[in-house]
């Protein structure tokens, strides 16, 4: 368990909260965070020193060391995951019918050695005050930037004290625990070379493994963790309970690959609630980090955001 706790303690992140106001009434369909990510990439590309962006050959570009686009959006072999997450807040949804004047927020969370880029990113975002998304029947819904603020601690208030207790868990004589997760954005689970689409295939073992792999990958790639690969903190005796509202949403999107080929890909996943029942105490710090940094695939498009619903009988050491 030592490697597990050391890996979690290495994680560092800060959030940049973006607040937009709808300019006119409209309707936004699909995944708005996919559209937000595309808008963010366009903003950053606009200030890139790259001489030929159409080739997207950042890995050999002589300007890459000072390029914000390269630091955020370029994936390298040996590095797991990109160093940012787009995450919704509790404020008004970005999807469905949009009222004129309504406020909409999103968190851009940066991980580890990318945190110092926050002032530069905020300056770039501030250059483009108005953004717009394509809606239904060819219409567009526009938003104007209201405010940008830095959130130094993006962990929910109830979890701040919890992260200070990492490593202080006792395994003996804990009563049964129960924890419910509600997925705010779809959970896309890619496991053993396939995308899971059947609710019956979702289990605690898979969820725990996918989440730990993500957090460990971020710790190694951006937070300086160089220790052993952590083992799974909880055994297979934990029961998984799926609610009736836990189902797979199946939208797809067409994406142009670097070689010019058009490829269809899922932009959805599981929505709803699931409950884990069993011995969960060592898993809690990992779950708190996942609540902020998301779980599964396409987290840079806002997917994998969940909320921990804390029942009164949940035990927390100390």
C-alpha atoms as a PDB file:
ATOM      1  CA  UNK A   1       0.000   0.000   0.000  1.00  0.00           C
ATOM      2  CA  UNK A   2       2.979   2.354   0.457  1.00  0.00           C
ATOM      3  CA  UNK A   3       3.451   2.920  -3.289  1.00  0.00           C
ATOM      4  CA  UNK A   4      -0.281   3.592  -3.643  1.00  0.00           C
ATOM      5  CA  UNK A   5      -0.323   6.354  -1.041  1.00  0.00           C
ATOM      6  CA  UNK A   6       2.955   7.887  -2.263  1.00  0.00           C
ATOM      7  CA  UNK A   7       1.552   8.052  -5.794  1.00  0.00           C
ATOM      8  CA  UNK A   8      -1.608   9.842  -4.635  1.00  0.00           C
ATOM      9  CA  UNK A   9       0.340  12.312  -2.510  1.00  0.00           C
ATOM     10  CA  UNK A  10       2.391  13.330  -5.581  1.00  0.00           C
ATOM     11  CA  UNK A  11      -0.659  14.685  -7.437  1.00  0.00           C
ATOM     12  CA  UNK A  12      -0.884  18.498  -7.703  1.00  0.00           C
ATOM     13  CA  UNK A  13      -3.419  20.552  -9.622  1.00  0.00           C
ATOM     14  CA  UNK A  14      -5.049  23.964  -9.838  1.00  0.00           C
ATOM     15  CA  UNK A  15      -8.209  25.102 -11.554  1.00  0.00           C
ATOM     16  CA  UNK A  16      -9.010  28.036 -13.808  1.00  0.00           C
ATOM     17  CA  UNK A  17     -12.723  28.872 -13.632  1.00  0.00           C
ATOM     18  CA  UNK A  18     -14.236  30.391 -16.787  1.00  0.00           C
ATOM     19  CA  UNK A  19     -17.613  32.103 -16.568  1.00  0.00           C
ATOM     20  CA  UNK A  20     -19.624  32.904 -19.697  1.00  0.00           C
ATOM     21  CA  UNK A  21     -22.971  34.648 -20.230  1.00  0.00           C
ATOM     22  CA  UNK A  22     -25.326  33.661 -23.058  1.00  0.00           C
ATOM     23  CA  UNK A  23     -25.798  36.535 -25.491  1.00  0.00           C
ATOM     24  CA  UNK A  24     -29.046  35.243 -26.961  1.00  0.00           C
ATOM     25  CA  UNK A  25     -31.506  32.413 -26.551  1.00  0.00           C
ATOM     26  CA  UNK A  26     -30.529  29.192 -28.290  1.00  0.00           C
ATOM     27  CA  UNK A  27     -30.146  25.439 -28.077  1.00  0.00           C
ATOM     28  CA  UNK A  28     -26.892  23.467 -27.644  1.00  0.00           C
ATOM     29  CA  UNK A  29     -26.882  19.746 -28.415  1.00  0.00           C
ATOM     30  CA  UNK A  30     -24.239  17.019 -28.176  1.00  0.00           C
ATOM     31  CA  UNK A  31     -21.200  17.368 -25.931  1.00  0.00           C
ATOM     32  CA  UNK A  32     -20.553  21.094 -25.290  1.00  0.00           C
ATOM     33  CA  UNK A  33     -17.179  20.340 -23.663  1.00  0.00           C
ATOM     34  CA  UNK A  34     -15.948  18.778 -26.881  1.00  0.00           C
ATOM     35  CA  UNK A  35     -16.830  22.104 -28.515  1.00  0.00           C
ATOM     36  CA  UNK A  36     -15.184  24.046 -25.682  1.00  0.00           C
ATOM     37  CA  UNK A  37     -11.995  22.027 -26.102  1.00  0.00           C
ATOM     38  CA  UNK A  38     -11.956  22.727 -29.847  1.00  0.00           C
ATOM     39  CA  UNK A  39     -12.441  26.437 -29.098  1.00  0.00           C
ATOM     40  CA  UNK A  40      -9.614  26.392 -26.537  1.00  0.00           C
ATOM     41  CA  UNK A  41      -7.266  24.649 -28.985  1.00  0.00           C
ATOM     42  CA  UNK A  42      -8.112  27.257 -31.626  1.00  0.00           C
ATOM     43  CA  UNK A  43      -7.349  30.086 -29.161  1.00  0.00           C
ATOM     44  CA  UNK A  44      -3.982  28.593 -28.227  1.00  0.00           C
ATOM     45  CA  UNK A  45      -3.096  27.840 -31.854  1.00  0.00           C
ATOM     46  CA  UNK A  46      -3.730  31.505 -32.619  1.00  0.00           C
ATOM     47  CA  UNK A  47      -0.723  32.503 -30.492  1.00  0.00           C
ATOM     48  CA  UNK A  48       1.453  29.517 -31.412  1.00  0.00           C
ATOM     49  CA  UNK A  49       4.915  30.286 -32.859  1.00  0.00           C
ATOM     50  CA  UNK A  50       4.570  27.306 -35.200  1.00  0.00           C
ATOM     51  CA  UNK A  51       5.347  28.143 -38.825  1.00  0.00           C
ATOM     52  CA  UNK A  52       3.139  25.436 -40.360  1.00  0.00           C
ATOM     53  CA  UNK A  53       0.292  24.423 -38.049  1.00  0.00           C
ATOM     54  CA  UNK A  54      -1.474  22.395 -40.707  1.00  0.00           C
ATOM     55  CA  UNK A  55       1.162  19.682 -40.443  1.00  0.00           C
ATOM     56  CA  UNK A  56       0.733  19.472 -36.634  1.00  0.00           C
ATOM     57  CA  UNK A  57       4.282  18.111 -36.391  1.00  0.00           C
ATOM     58  CA  UNK A  58       4.949  19.584 -32.961  1.00  0.00           C
ATOM     59  CA  UNK A  59       7.401  16.876 -31.947  1.00  0.00           C
ATOM     60  CA  UNK A  60      10.023  18.028 -34.444  1.00  0.00           C
ATOM     61  CA  UNK A  61       9.235  21.758 -34.414  1.00  0.00           C
ATOM     62  CA  UNK A  62      12.169  23.965 -33.378  1.00  0.00           C
ATOM     63  CA  UNK A  63       9.731  26.315 -31.612  1.00  0.00           C
ATOM     64  CA  UNK A  64       8.208  23.590 -29.391  1.00  0.00           C
ATOM     65  CA  UNK A  65      10.090  24.522 -26.199  1.00  0.00           C
ATOM     66  CA  UNK A  66       8.231  27.832 -25.948  1.00  0.00           C
ATOM     67  CA  UNK A  67       4.927  26.716 -27.460  1.00  0.00           C
ATOM     68  CA  UNK A  68       1.825  26.700 -25.256  1.00  0.00           C
ATOM     69  CA  UNK A  69      -0.006  24.476 -27.733  1.00  0.00           C
ATOM     70  CA  UNK A  70       2.712  21.812 -27.501  1.00  0.00           C
ATOM     71  CA  UNK A  71       2.660  21.860 -23.692  1.00  0.00           C
ATOM     72  CA  UNK A  72      -1.107  21.321 -23.481  1.00  0.00           C
ATOM     73  CA  UNK A  73      -2.294  19.362 -26.490  1.00  0.00           C
ATOM     74  CA  UNK A  74       0.531  17.168 -27.796  1.00  0.00           C
ATOM     75  CA  UNK A  75       0.693  13.542 -26.684  1.00  0.00           C
ATOM     76  CA  UNK A  76       4.117  11.906 -26.433  1.00  0.00           C
ATOM     77  CA  UNK A  77       5.048   8.262 -26.148  1.00  0.00           C
ATOM     78  CA  UNK A  78       5.824   7.310 -22.556  1.00  0.00           C
ATOM     79  CA  UNK A  79       3.450   9.940 -21.172  1.00  0.00           C
ATOM     80  CA  UNK A  80       0.003   8.892 -20.045  1.00  0.00           C
ATOM     81  CA  UNK A  81      -2.866  11.323 -20.547  1.00  0.00           C
ATOM     82  CA  UNK A  82      -2.887  15.033 -21.297  1.00  0.00           C
ATOM     83  CA  UNK A  83      -2.186  17.451 -18.413  1.00  0.00           C
ATOM     84  CA  UNK A  84      -5.580  19.133 -18.238  1.00  0.00           C
ATOM     85  CA  UNK A  85      -9.272  18.420 -17.648  1.00  0.00           C
ATOM     86  CA  UNK A  86     -12.362  20.346 -18.707  1.00  0.00           C
ATOM     87  CA  UNK A  87     -14.866  19.974 -15.889  1.00  0.00           C
ATOM     88  CA  UNK A  88     -18.407  21.332 -15.410  1.00  0.00           C
ATOM     89  CA  UNK A  89     -19.412  23.161 -12.235  1.00  0.00           C
ATOM     90  CA  UNK A  90     -22.724  23.118 -10.381  1.00  0.00           C
ATOM     91  CA  UNK A  91     -23.935  26.193 -12.285  1.00  0.00           C
ATOM     92  CA  UNK A  92     -26.328  26.206 -15.262  1.00  0.00           C
ATOM     93  CA  UNK A  93     -25.882  23.389 -17.788  1.00  0.00           C
ATOM     94  CA  UNK A  94     -24.302  24.047 -21.179  1.00  0.00           C
ATOM     95  CA  UNK A  95     -26.704  21.682 -22.958  1.00  0.00           C
ATOM     96  CA  UNK A  96     -30.313  21.961 -24.049  1.00  0.00           C
ATOM     97  CA  UNK A  97     -32.253  25.200 -24.179  1.00  0.00           C
ATOM     98  CA  UNK A  98     -30.096  28.241 -23.371  1.00  0.00           C
ATOM     99  CA  UNK A  99     -31.761  31.367 -21.965  1.00  0.00           C
ATOM    100  CA  UNK A 100     -30.490  34.818 -22.874  1.00  0.00           C
ATOM    101  CA  UNK A 101     -28.371  36.192 -20.022  1.00  0.00           C
ATOM    102  CA  UNK A 102     -27.878  32.798 -18.320  1.00  0.00           C
ATOM    103  CA  UNK A 103     -24.469  32.133 -16.732  1.00  0.00           C
ATOM    104  CA  UNK A 104     -22.419  29.043 -17.616  1.00  0.00           C
ATOM    105  CA  UNK A 105     -19.151  27.926 -16.001  1.00  0.00           C
ATOM    106  CA  UNK A 106     -16.417  25.438 -16.738  1.00  0.00           C
ATOM    107  CA  UNK A 107     -13.223  24.541 -14.879  1.00  0.00           C
ATOM    108  CA  UNK A 108      -9.962  24.109 -16.761  1.00  0.00           C
ATOM    109  CA  UNK A 109      -7.854  22.055 -14.344  1.00  0.00           C
ATOM    110  CA  UNK A 110      -4.089  21.817 -14.934  1.00  0.00           C
ATOM    111  CA  UNK A 111      -1.930  19.084 -13.446  1.00  0.00           C
ATOM    112  CA  UNK A 112       1.581  19.125 -11.961  1.00  0.00           C
ATOM    113  CA  UNK A 113       4.299  20.923 -13.916  1.00  0.00           C
ATOM    114  CA  UNK A 114       1.672  22.557 -16.176  1.00  0.00           C
ATOM    115  CA  UNK A 115       0.246  24.652 -13.309  1.00  0.00           C
ATOM    116  CA  UNK A 116       2.669  27.574 -13.982  1.00  0.00           C
ATOM    117  CA  UNK A 117       1.024  27.934 -17.418  1.00  0.00           C
ATOM    118  CA  UNK A 118      -2.218  29.238 -15.833  1.00  0.00           C
ATOM    119  CA  UNK A 119      -1.448  32.991 -16.223  1.00  0.00           C
ATOM    120  CA  UNK A 120      -0.463  32.505 -19.882  1.00  0.00           C
ATOM    121  CA  UNK A 121      -3.578  30.434 -20.603  1.00  0.00           C
ATOM    122  CA  UNK A 122      -5.816  32.988 -18.863  1.00  0.00           C
ATOM    123  CA  UNK A 123      -4.293  35.765 -20.988  1.00  0.00           C
ATOM    124  CA  UNK A 124      -4.922  33.799 -24.205  1.00  0.00           C
ATOM    125  CA  UNK A 125      -8.536  33.017 -23.274  1.00  0.00           C
ATOM    126  CA  UNK A 126      -9.097  36.682 -22.425  1.00  0.00           C
ATOM    127  CA  UNK A 127      -8.188  37.669 -25.987  1.00  0.00           C
ATOM    128  CA  UNK A 128     -11.349  36.021 -27.354  1.00  0.00           C
ATOM    129  CA  UNK A 129     -14.297  37.460 -25.459  1.00  0.00           C
ATOM    130  CA  UNK A 130     -17.015  35.776 -27.513  1.00  0.00           C
ATOM    131  CA  UNK A 131     -17.434  32.105 -28.401  1.00  0.00           C
ATOM    132  CA  UNK A 132     -20.260  30.317 -30.199  1.00  0.00           C
ATOM    133  CA  UNK A 133     -21.513  26.759 -30.637  1.00  0.00           C
ATOM    134  CA  UNK A 134     -23.447  25.284 -33.517  1.00  0.00           C
ATOM    135  CA  UNK A 135     -26.960  24.336 -32.448  1.00  0.00           C
ATOM    136  CA  UNK A 136     -29.933  22.805 -34.232  1.00  0.00           C
ATOM    137  CA  UNK A 137     -30.961  23.655 -37.808  1.00  0.00           C
ATOM    138  CA  UNK A 138     -27.673  25.427 -38.482  1.00  0.00           C
ATOM    139  CA  UNK A 139     -28.206  28.076 -35.797  1.00  0.00           C
ATOM    140  CA  UNK A 140     -25.419  29.183 -33.428  1.00  0.00           C
ATOM    141  CA  UNK A 141     -25.566  30.074 -29.735  1.00  0.00           C
ATOM    142  CA  UNK A 142     -23.074  32.702 -28.583  1.00  0.00           C
ATOM    143  CA  UNK A 143     -21.553  33.377 -25.167  1.00  0.00           C
ATOM    144  CA  UNK A 144     -19.453  36.271 -23.892  1.00  0.00           C
ATOM    145  CA  UNK A 145     -16.654  35.852 -21.334  1.00  0.00           C
ATOM    146  CA  UNK A 146     -17.685  37.341 -17.967  1.00  0.00           C
ATOM    147  CA  UNK A 147     -14.821  36.394 -15.665  1.00  0.00           C
ATOM    148  CA  UNK A 148     -11.706  34.259 -15.251  1.00  0.00           C
ATOM    149  CA  UNK A 149     -10.575  33.233 -11.769  1.00  0.00           C
ATOM    150  CA  UNK A 150      -7.935  30.899 -10.347  1.00  0.00           C
ATOM    151  CA  UNK A 151      -9.111  28.251  -7.893  1.00  0.00           C
ATOM    152  CA  UNK A 152      -6.041  27.177  -5.995  1.00  0.00           C
ATOM    153  CA  UNK A 153      -7.727  24.169  -4.433  1.00  0.00           C
ATOM    154  CA  UNK A 154     -10.208  22.399  -6.670  1.00  0.00           C
ATOM    155  CA  UNK A 155     -10.976  19.555  -4.225  1.00  0.00           C
ATOM    156  CA  UNK A 156     -14.487  19.785  -2.719  1.00  0.00           C
ATOM    157  CA  UNK A 157     -14.567  21.281   0.774  1.00  0.00           C
ATOM    158  CA  UNK A 158     -15.493  18.015   2.476  1.00  0.00           C
ATOM    159  CA  UNK A 159     -12.442  16.283   0.963  1.00  0.00           C
ATOM    160  CA  UNK A 160      -9.718  18.798   1.839  1.00  0.00           C
ATOM    161  CA  UNK A 161      -9.080  17.313   5.282  1.00  0.00           C
ATOM    162  CA  UNK A 162      -9.317  13.816   3.875  1.00  0.00           C
ATOM    163  CA  UNK A 163      -6.268  14.146   1.641  1.00  0.00           C
ATOM    164  CA  UNK A 164      -4.150  15.101   4.645  1.00  0.00           C
ATOM    165  CA  UNK A 165      -4.904  11.706   6.174  1.00  0.00           C
ATOM    166  CA  UNK A 166      -3.584   9.598   3.314  1.00  0.00           C
ATOM    167  CA  UNK A 167      -1.639   6.678   4.740  1.00  0.00           C
ATOM    168  CA  UNK A 168      -3.425   6.656   8.108  1.00  0.00           C
ATOM    169  CA  UNK A 169      -5.915   3.888   7.294  1.00  0.00           C
ATOM    170  CA  UNK A 170      -6.349   0.755   9.359  1.00  0.00           C
ATOM    171  CA  UNK A 171      -7.572  -2.354   7.622  1.00  0.00           C
ATOM    172  CA  UNK A 172      -8.922  -4.252  10.615  1.00  0.00           C
ATOM    173  CA  UNK A 173     -12.521  -4.365  11.871  1.00  0.00           C
ATOM    174  CA  UNK A 174     -14.071  -1.717   9.660  1.00  0.00           C
ATOM    175  CA  UNK A 175     -17.847  -1.968   9.382  1.00  0.00           C
ATOM    176  CA  UNK A 176     -19.347  -2.328   5.894  1.00  0.00           C
ATOM    177  CA  UNK A 177     -19.287   0.859   3.855  1.00  0.00           C
ATOM    178  CA  UNK A 178     -21.436   2.070   1.028  1.00  0.00           C
ATOM    179  CA  UNK A 179     -20.641   4.783  -1.472  1.00  0.00           C
ATOM    180  CA  UNK A 180     -22.741   6.096  -4.353  1.00  0.00           C
ATOM    181  CA  UNK A 181     -21.325   7.919  -7.378  1.00  0.00           C
ATOM    182  CA  UNK A 182     -23.485  10.034  -9.665  1.00  0.00           C
ATOM    183  CA  UNK A 183     -22.041  10.682 -13.129  1.00  0.00           C
ATOM    184  CA  UNK A 184     -22.545  14.302 -14.155  1.00  0.00           C
ATOM    185  CA  UNK A 185     -21.006  13.700 -17.601  1.00  0.00           C
ATOM    186  CA  UNK A 186     -20.791  10.343 -19.403  1.00  0.00           C
ATOM    187  CA  UNK A 187     -18.298   7.741 -18.211  1.00  0.00           C
ATOM    188  CA  UNK A 188     -16.392   6.291 -21.173  1.00  0.00           C
ATOM    189  CA  UNK A 189     -14.729   3.033 -20.111  1.00  0.00           C
ATOM    190  CA  UNK A 190     -12.080   1.600 -22.444  1.00  0.00           C
ATOM    191  CA  UNK A 191     -10.896  -1.669 -20.947  1.00  0.00           C
ATOM    192  CA  UNK A 192      -8.928  -4.561 -22.492  1.00  0.00           C
ATOM    193  CA  UNK A 193      -8.956  -2.908 -25.925  1.00  0.00           C
ATOM    194  CA  UNK A 194     -12.697  -2.309 -26.140  1.00  0.00           C
ATOM    195  CA  UNK A 195     -15.244   0.321 -25.122  1.00  0.00           C
ATOM    196  CA  UNK A 196     -17.675  -1.063 -22.557  1.00  0.00           C
ATOM    197  CA  UNK A 197     -21.271  -0.333 -23.565  1.00  0.00           C
ATOM    198  CA  UNK A 198     -23.290  -2.803 -21.454  1.00  0.00           C
ATOM    199  CA  UNK A 199     -24.135  -1.736 -17.861  1.00  0.00           C
ATOM    200  CA  UNK A 200     -23.830  -5.352 -16.713  1.00  0.00           C
ATOM    201  CA  UNK A 201     -20.129  -5.297 -17.681  1.00  0.00           C
ATOM    202  CA  UNK A 202     -19.336  -2.385 -15.344  1.00  0.00           C
ATOM    203  CA  UNK A 203     -17.810  -3.583 -12.081  1.00  0.00           C
ATOM    204  CA  UNK A 204     -15.936  -2.211  -9.117  1.00  0.00           C
ATOM    205  CA  UNK A 205     -12.756  -3.993 -10.223  1.00  0.00           C
ATOM    206  CA  UNK A 206     -12.792  -2.310 -13.636  1.00  0.00           C
ATOM    207  CA  UNK A 207     -13.655   1.122 -12.252  1.00  0.00           C
ATOM    208  CA  UNK A 208     -10.925   0.955  -9.600  1.00  0.00           C
ATOM    209  CA  UNK A 209      -8.284  -0.222 -12.093  1.00  0.00           C
ATOM    210  CA  UNK A 210      -9.143   2.424 -14.714  1.00  0.00           C
ATOM    211  CA  UNK A 211      -9.159   5.245 -12.150  1.00  0.00           C
ATOM    212  CA  UNK A 212      -5.868   4.187 -10.505  1.00  0.00           C
ATOM    213  CA  UNK A 213      -4.176   3.853 -13.908  1.00  0.00           C
ATOM    214  CA  UNK A 214      -5.245   7.405 -14.783  1.00  0.00           C
ATOM    215  CA  UNK A 215      -4.127   8.998 -11.497  1.00  0.00           C
ATOM    216  CA  UNK A 216      -0.825   7.086 -11.544  1.00  0.00           C
ATOM    217  CA  UNK A 217      -0.235   8.116 -15.170  1.00  0.00           C
ATOM    218  CA  UNK A 218      -0.750  11.791 -14.322  1.00  0.00           C
ATOM    219  CA  UNK A 219       1.522  11.478 -11.270  1.00  0.00           C
ATOM    220  CA  UNK A 220       4.332   9.941 -13.346  1.00  0.00           C
ATOM    221  CA  UNK A 221       3.998  12.202 -16.380  1.00  0.00           C
ATOM    222  CA  UNK A 222       3.514  15.604 -14.747  1.00  0.00           C
ATOM    223  CA  UNK A 223       3.993  15.392 -10.958  1.00  0.00           C
ATOM    224  CA  UNK A 224       7.444  13.830 -10.636  1.00  0.00           C
ATOM    225  CA  UNK A 225       6.368  10.478  -9.196  1.00  0.00           C
ATOM    226  CA  UNK A 226       9.047   7.886  -9.902  1.00  0.00           C
ATOM    227  CA  UNK A 227       8.132   5.108  -7.520  1.00  0.00           C
ATOM    228  CA  UNK A 228       6.799   1.630  -8.100  1.00  0.00           C
ATOM    229  CA  UNK A 229       3.517   1.016  -9.886  1.00  0.00           C
ATOM    230  CA  UNK A 230       0.909   0.964  -7.110  1.00  0.00           C
ATOM    231  CA  UNK A 231      -1.224  -2.097  -6.578  1.00  0.00           C
ATOM    232  CA  UNK A 232      -5.011  -1.922  -6.339  1.00  0.00           C
ATOM    233  CA  UNK A 233      -5.982  -0.748  -2.833  1.00  0.00           C
ATOM    234  CA  UNK A 234      -9.173  -2.809  -2.413  1.00  0.00           C
ATOM    235  CA  UNK A 235      -9.929  -6.434  -3.193  1.00  0.00           C
ATOM    236  CA  UNK A 236     -12.641  -7.915  -5.381  1.00  0.00           C
ATOM    237  CA  UNK A 237     -15.088  -8.504  -2.533  1.00  0.00           C
ATOM    238  CA  UNK A 238     -16.745  -5.108  -3.112  1.00  0.00           C
ATOM    239  CA  UNK A 239     -20.257  -5.334  -4.536  1.00  0.00           C
ATOM    240  CA  UNK A 240     -21.380  -3.127  -7.442  1.00  0.00           C
ATOM    241  CA  UNK A 241     -25.027  -1.985  -7.484  1.00  0.00           C
ATOM    242  CA  UNK A 242     -26.360  -0.302 -10.626  1.00  0.00           C
ATOM    243  CA  UNK A 243     -29.413   1.964 -10.457  1.00  0.00           C
ATOM    244  CA  UNK A 244     -32.121   1.930 -13.109  1.00  0.00           C
ATOM    245  CA  UNK A 245     -30.875   5.285 -14.443  1.00  0.00           C
ATOM    246  CA  UNK A 246     -27.376   3.907 -15.097  1.00  0.00           C
ATOM    247  CA  UNK A 247     -27.273   3.440 -18.871  1.00  0.00           C
ATOM    248  CA  UNK A 248     -25.031   3.973 -21.876  1.00  0.00           C
ATOM    249  CA  UNK A 249     -25.663   7.004 -24.077  1.00  0.00           C
ATOM    250  CA  UNK A 250     -24.458   6.331 -27.575  1.00  0.00           C
ATOM    251  CA  UNK A 251     -23.695   9.501 -29.564  1.00  0.00           C
ATOM    252  CA  UNK A 252     -20.817   9.345 -32.045  1.00  0.00           C
ATOM    253  CA  UNK A 253     -18.689  12.014 -33.683  1.00  0.00           C
ATOM    254  CA  UNK A 254     -16.599  12.106 -36.839  1.00  0.00           C
ATOM    255  CA  UNK A 255     -12.951  13.018 -36.325  1.00  0.00           C
ATOM    256  CA  UNK A 256     -10.271  13.687 -38.925  1.00  0.00           C
ATOM    257  CA  UNK A 257      -7.069  11.827 -38.078  1.00  0.00           C
ATOM    258  CA  UNK A 258      -3.540  13.241 -38.782  1.00  0.00           C
ATOM    259  CA  UNK A 259      -3.354  11.042 -41.900  1.00  0.00           C
ATOM    260  CA  UNK A 260      -6.530  12.668 -43.250  1.00  0.00           C
ATOM    261  CA  UNK A 261      -8.743   9.614 -42.672  1.00  0.00           C
ATOM    262  CA  UNK A 262     -12.186  10.224 -41.132  1.00  0.00           C
ATOM    263  CA  UNK A 263     -12.895   8.044 -38.115  1.00  0.00           C
ATOM    264  CA  UNK A 264     -16.051   7.630 -36.055  1.00  0.00           C
ATOM    265  CA  UNK A 265     -15.629   7.629 -32.301  1.00  0.00           C
ATOM    266  CA  UNK A 266     -17.879   7.518 -29.239  1.00  0.00           C
ATOM    267  CA  UNK A 267     -18.371  10.808 -27.433  1.00  0.00           C
ATOM    268  CA  UNK A 268     -20.747   9.341 -24.864  1.00  0.00           C
ATOM    269  CA  UNK A 269     -20.702   6.786 -22.087  1.00  0.00           C
ATOM    270  CA  UNK A 270     -22.557   5.791 -18.940  1.00  0.00           C
ATOM    271  CA  UNK A 271     -24.783   8.284 -17.116  1.00  0.00           C
ATOM    272  CA  UNK A 272     -26.624   7.755 -13.855  1.00  0.00           C
ATOM    273  CA  UNK A 273     -25.712   6.339 -10.462  1.00  0.00           C
ATOM    274  CA  UNK A 274     -23.919   3.293  -9.144  1.00  0.00           C
ATOM    275  CA  UNK A 275     -23.098   2.162  -5.621  1.00  0.00           C
ATOM    276  CA  UNK A 276     -20.085   0.300  -4.259  1.00  0.00           C
ATOM    277  CA  UNK A 277     -20.671  -1.695  -1.072  1.00  0.00           C
ATOM    278  CA  UNK A 278     -17.860  -3.233   0.959  1.00  0.00           C
ATOM    279  CA  UNK A 279     -14.532  -2.263   2.503  1.00  0.00           C
ATOM    280  CA  UNK A 280     -13.764   1.073   0.812  1.00  0.00           C
ATOM    281  CA  UNK A 281     -11.672   3.175   3.217  1.00  0.00           C
ATOM    282  CA  UNK A 282      -8.318   2.912   1.350  1.00  0.00           C
ATOM    283  CA  UNK A 283     -10.097   3.841  -1.884  1.00  0.00           C
ATOM    284  CA  UNK A 284     -11.485   7.159  -0.615  1.00  0.00           C
ATOM    285  CA  UNK A 285      -8.450   9.377  -1.403  1.00  0.00           C
ATOM    286  CA  UNK A 286      -8.369   7.938  -4.931  1.00  0.00           C
ATOM    287  CA  UNK A 287     -12.090   8.629  -5.349  1.00  0.00           C
ATOM    288  CA  UNK A 288     -11.664  12.220  -4.142  1.00  0.00           C
ATOM    289  CA  UNK A 289      -8.923  12.808  -6.705  1.00  0.00           C
ATOM    290  CA  UNK A 290     -11.046  11.192  -9.412  1.00  0.00           C
ATOM    291  CA  UNK A 291     -13.945  13.486  -8.555  1.00  0.00           C
ATOM    292  CA  UNK A 292     -11.737  16.423  -9.575  1.00  0.00           C
ATOM    293  CA  UNK A 293      -9.611  14.840 -12.326  1.00  0.00           C
ATOM    294  CA  UNK A 294     -12.357  12.602 -13.790  1.00  0.00           C
ATOM    295  CA  UNK A 295     -12.140   8.945 -14.792  1.00  0.00           C
ATOM    296  CA  UNK A 296     -12.114   7.017 -18.069  1.00  0.00           C
ATOM    297  CA  UNK A 297     -11.518   8.257 -21.615  1.00  0.00           C
ATOM    298  CA  UNK A 298     -11.914  11.727 -23.161  1.00  0.00           C
ATOM    299  CA  UNK A 299     -11.595  13.643 -19.880  1.00  0.00           C
ATOM    300  CA  UNK A 300     -10.241  16.606 -21.875  1.00  0.00           C
ATOM    301  CA  UNK A 301     -13.725  16.747 -23.423  1.00  0.00           C
ATOM    302  CA  UNK A 302     -15.408  16.830 -20.012  1.00  0.00           C
ATOM    303  CA  UNK A 303     -16.263  13.127 -19.830  1.00  0.00           C
ATOM    304  CA  UNK A 304     -15.952  11.077 -16.638  1.00  0.00           C
ATOM    305  CA  UNK A 305     -17.081  13.750 -14.159  1.00  0.00           C
ATOM    306  CA  UNK A 306     -18.767  12.226 -11.104  1.00  0.00           C
ATOM    307  CA  UNK A 307     -20.061  13.420  -7.762  1.00  0.00           C
ATOM    308  CA  UNK A 308     -19.614  11.440  -4.542  1.00  0.00           C
ATOM    309  CA  UNK A 309     -22.886  11.108  -2.638  1.00  0.00           C
ATOM    310  CA  UNK A 310     -21.919  10.632   0.999  1.00  0.00           C
ATOM    311  CA  UNK A 311     -24.430   8.607   3.051  1.00  0.00           C
ATOM    312  CA  UNK A 312     -24.444   9.148   6.802  1.00  0.00           C
ATOM    313  CA  UNK A 313     -23.050   5.709   7.599  1.00  0.00           C
ATOM    314  CA  UNK A 314     -19.849   6.094   5.583  1.00  0.00           C
ATOM    315  CA  UNK A 315     -16.805   5.672   7.857  1.00  0.00           C
ATOM    316  CA  UNK A 316     -13.824   7.980   7.616  1.00  0.00           C
ATOM    317  CA  UNK A 317     -10.733   7.279   9.781  1.00  0.00           C
ATOM    318  CA  UNK A 318     -10.088   9.862  12.459  1.00  0.00           C
END
